[in-house]
Amino acid sequence: MTADFVLTTTSFLAQAADATNGQQAPAWVQFVPFIFIIAIFYFVLIRPQMKAKKEQEILIASAKTGDKVITSGGLVGVISNVKDKTVIVKVGDVKLEVLKTHLTSITKPENASSES
């Protein structure tokens, strides 16, 4: 019985292969899944990363003296001087030179006149 099953299955598969040899899909159809995968990678990984990088560049460009900042290391301080690639951050009584690329958050100072 198993020999009949194997023989029948083999002949069925051979007939199915003969039937599909005459009607093959165009070659470009094989690339459609790859195009979808690339599109998914673009919208899930690449585009959000580019958006975050652009926001970081805007954040760095807006750094001014007197702004309260948080660095990627967790330091919280006030900018006392801005240079080309670095800022001087005053943390308590200590002044630290920090790369602008390590600034993660900038808060503009509140005006003393608005409190009155």
Protein backbone atom coordinates (compact mmCIF):
# COMPACT_ATOMS: atom_id res chain seq x y z
CA MET A 1 0.00 0.00 0.00
CA THR A 2 2.80 2.46 0.78
CA ALA A 3 4.46 1.70 -2.54
CA ASP A 4 1.23 2.58 -4.35
CA PHE A 5 0.97 5.82 -2.39
CA VAL A 6 4.56 6.81 -3.22
CA LEU A 7 4.10 5.92 -6.88
CA THR A 8 0.83 7.84 -7.12
CA THR A 9 2.28 10.88 -5.35
CA THR A 10 5.39 10.86 -7.53
CA SER A 11 3.40 10.66 -10.74
CA PHE A 12 1.07 13.43 -9.53
CA LEU A 13 4.01 15.71 -8.77
CA ALA A 14 5.61 14.94 -12.14
CA GLN A 15 2.37 15.85 -13.94
CA ALA A 16 2.09 19.08 -11.92
CA ALA A 17 5.67 20.01 -12.84
CA ASP A 18 4.96 19.39 -16.53
CA ALA A 19 1.86 21.56 -16.39
CA THR A 20 3.67 24.53 -14.82
CA ASN A 21 6.71 24.44 -17.13
CA GLY A 22 4.70 25.91 -19.95
CA GLN A 23 3.31 28.84 -17.89
CA GLN A 24 6.06 30.53 -15.91
CA ALA A 25 5.56 33.93 -14.33
CA PRO A 26 7.64 36.85 -15.61
CA ALA A 27 11.08 37.23 -14.03
CA TRP A 28 10.26 40.58 -12.38
CA VAL A 29 7.62 38.89 -10.22
CA GLN A 30 10.39 37.14 -8.30
CA PHE A 31 11.75 40.53 -7.17
CA VAL A 32 8.45 41.85 -5.78
CA PRO A 33 8.96 40.35 -2.27
CA PHE A 34 12.43 41.91 -2.07
CA ILE A 35 11.01 45.31 -3.01
CA PHE A 36 8.43 44.99 -0.23
CA ILE A 37 11.12 44.02 2.28
CA ILE A 38 13.26 47.03 1.29
CA ALA A 39 10.23 49.33 1.62
CA ILE A 40 9.47 47.95 5.08
CA PHE A 41 13.08 48.45 6.19
CA TYR A 42 12.99 52.02 4.90
CA PHE A 43 9.80 53.01 6.72
CA VAL A 44 10.53 51.08 9.94
CA LEU A 45 14.27 51.58 10.41
CA ILE A 46 15.91 54.11 8.10
CA ARG A 47 13.34 56.93 7.96
CA PRO A 48 12.82 57.25 11.76
CA GLN A 49 16.59 57.25 12.27
CA MET A 50 17.01 60.06 9.72
CA LYS A 51 14.22 62.03 11.43
CA ALA A 52 15.86 61.63 14.86
CA LYS A 53 19.22 62.71 13.45
CA LYS A 54 17.65 65.84 11.94
CA GLU A 55 15.97 66.68 15.27
CA GLN A 56 19.32 66.25 17.07
CA GLU A 57 21.00 68.63 14.60
CA ILE A 58 18.27 71.23 15.20
CA LEU A 59 18.68 70.77 18.97
CA ILE A 60 22.45 71.28 18.74
CA ALA A 61 22.08 74.37 16.54
CA SER A 62 19.67 75.96 19.03
CA ALA A 63 22.05 75.67 22.03
CA LYS A 64 22.67 79.11 23.55
CA THR A 65 24.27 80.47 26.69
CA GLY A 66 21.94 80.21 29.68
CA ASP A 67 19.98 77.18 28.41
CA LYS A 68 19.43 74.30 30.83
CA VAL A 69 20.72 71.05 29.29
CA ILE A 70 20.81 67.33 29.96
CA THR A 71 23.70 65.35 28.51
CA SER A 72 23.69 61.75 27.35
CA GLY A 73 25.68 60.92 30.49
CA GLY A 74 22.90 62.25 32.69
CA LEU A 75 24.51 65.52 33.75
CA VAL A 76 22.12 68.42 34.27
CA GLY A 77 23.51 71.91 34.02
CA VAL A 78 23.42 75.34 32.42
CA ILE A 79 25.37 76.33 29.30
CA SER A 80 27.87 79.05 30.16
CA ASN A 81 29.70 79.20 26.81
CA VAL A 82 29.13 77.83 23.29
CA LYS A 83 32.03 76.86 21.01
CA ASP A 84 32.13 75.27 17.55
CA LYS A 85 31.89 71.61 18.57
CA THR A 86 31.60 71.86 22.35
CA VAL A 87 29.71 73.71 25.05
CA ILE A 88 30.82 74.64 28.54
CA VAL A 89 28.21 73.32 30.99
CA LYS A 90 28.13 74.62 34.54
CA VAL A 91 27.09 71.85 36.94
CA GLY A 92 26.98 73.25 40.47
CA ASP A 93 30.33 74.98 41.01
CA VAL A 94 32.08 72.95 38.29
CA LYS A 95 32.40 73.84 34.60
CA LEU A 96 32.62 70.94 32.16
CA GLU A 97 33.35 70.96 28.46
CA VAL A 98 30.86 68.67 26.68
CA LEU A 99 30.57 67.78 23.00
CA LYS A 100 27.43 69.22 21.41
CA THR A 101 26.58 65.77 20.04
CA HIS A 102 26.07 64.55 23.62
CA LEU A 103 23.30 67.02 24.42
CA THR A 104 19.99 65.17 24.66
CA SER A 105 17.66 67.85 25.96
CA ILE A 106 17.67 71.63 26.02
CA THR A 107 15.24 73.71 28.08
CA LYS A 108 15.08 77.42 27.46
CA PRO A 109 15.44 79.53 30.62
CA GLU A 110 12.33 81.15 32.04
CA ASN A 111 12.42 84.94 32.15
CA ALA A 112 12.45 86.45 35.63
CA SER A 113 10.11 89.23 34.45
CA SER A 114 7.36 86.73 33.54
CA GLU A 115 7.23 85.48 37.15
CA SER A 116 6.42 88.96 38.55
